[in-house]
Every structure is written in C-alpha cells, then in structure tokens.
C-alpha cells in the first residue's frame, strides 16, 4: 500500500464527511475531473474500489480521525 499525500488525506477526510465530488472540488478550488482523478489514485493506493471502502480503509489505517 502506497503512502497517501496530504492532498489524498484531505480528500479522504471530505469523503468521510459525505461530500460529493462537486462539493470537494468547490472546497479545494479544483475541477470535478481533478477530484475524480485524485479519487482514482487514492483507490489504487488503498487497494479499494469504492468511496465506502476508501473511508473504511482510511479509518482502519488511521488517516481519518
């Protein structure tokens, strides 16, 4: 499992709070496409296939508090 960047952790925290891709993009002043790309990379790093799995894994490894 690869380490998550600070941006990855930030996006993961937004996911855990139930934000949509559009809401995350607005908060971070990025495009929705950028968020989708980041999420794809996060899923790969965490070896998961969904938002829910990413959040569960984030809690399990301590990236989400």
Protein backbone atom coordinates (compact mmCIF):
# COMPACT_ATOMS: atom_id res chain seq x y z
CA UNK A 1 0.00 0.00 0.00
CA UNK A 2 1.43 3.34 -1.04
CA UNK A 3 1.53 6.33 1.26
CA UNK A 4 -1.16 8.93 0.80
CA UNK A 5 -0.18 12.51 0.10
CA UNK A 6 -1.52 15.35 2.22
CA UNK A 7 -4.00 16.15 -0.59
CA UNK A 8 -5.12 12.49 -0.67
CA UNK A 9 -5.72 12.58 3.07
CA UNK A 10 -7.62 15.84 2.74
CA UNK A 11 -9.89 14.38 0.06
CA UNK A 12 -10.37 11.22 2.10
CA UNK A 13 -11.48 13.35 5.05
CA UNK A 14 -14.05 15.08 2.84
CA UNK A 15 -15.28 11.65 1.71
CA UNK A 16 -15.72 10.57 5.30
CA UNK A 17 -17.89 13.64 5.87
CA UNK A 18 -20.16 12.70 2.98
CA UNK A 19 -19.07 15.35 0.50
CA UNK A 20 -19.81 14.81 -3.19
CA UNK A 21 -17.11 15.21 -5.82
CA UNK A 22 -18.60 18.60 -6.73
CA UNK A 23 -18.54 19.76 -3.13
CA UNK A 24 -14.94 18.61 -2.65
CA UNK A 25 -13.94 20.38 -5.86
CA UNK A 26 -15.58 23.60 -4.69
CA UNK A 27 -13.91 23.44 -1.26
CA UNK A 28 -10.47 22.83 -2.77
CA UNK A 29 -10.91 25.16 -5.76
CA UNK A 30 -10.28 22.30 -8.19
CA UNK A 31 -12.24 20.85 -11.09
CA UNK A 32 -14.52 17.88 -10.57
CA UNK A 33 -12.32 15.99 -13.05
CA UNK A 34 -9.28 16.63 -10.83
CA UNK A 35 -11.15 15.19 -7.85
CA UNK A 36 -12.17 12.14 -9.89
CA UNK A 37 -8.54 11.61 -10.90
CA UNK A 38 -7.37 12.01 -7.30
CA UNK A 39 -10.01 9.56 -6.09
CA UNK A 40 -8.91 7.01 -8.66
CA UNK A 41 -5.34 7.29 -7.38
CA UNK A 42 -6.49 7.07 -3.76
CA UNK A 43 -8.49 3.91 -4.51
CA UNK A 44 -5.43 2.37 -6.14
CA UNK A 45 -3.16 3.32 -3.23
CA UNK A 46 -5.64 1.93 -0.68
CA UNK A 47 -6.42 -1.09 -2.86
CA UNK A 48 -10.16 -0.44 -2.77
CA UNK A 49 -12.92 0.01 -5.36
CA UNK A 50 -15.43 2.39 -3.80
CA UNK A 51 -15.86 5.51 -1.69
CA UNK A 52 -17.17 3.46 1.22
CA UNK A 53 -14.23 1.06 1.11
CA UNK A 54 -11.82 4.01 0.91
CA UNK A 55 -13.36 5.60 4.00
CA UNK A 56 -13.32 2.29 5.91
CA UNK A 57 -9.68 1.76 4.98
CA UNK A 58 -8.87 5.36 5.91
CA UNK A 59 -10.22 4.78 9.40
CA UNK A 60 -8.52 1.39 9.68
CA UNK A 61 -5.08 2.78 8.95
CA UNK A 62 -5.56 5.99 10.90
CA UNK A 63 -5.69 8.52 8.05
CA UNK A 64 -9.19 9.57 9.10
CA UNK A 65 -9.87 10.56 12.68
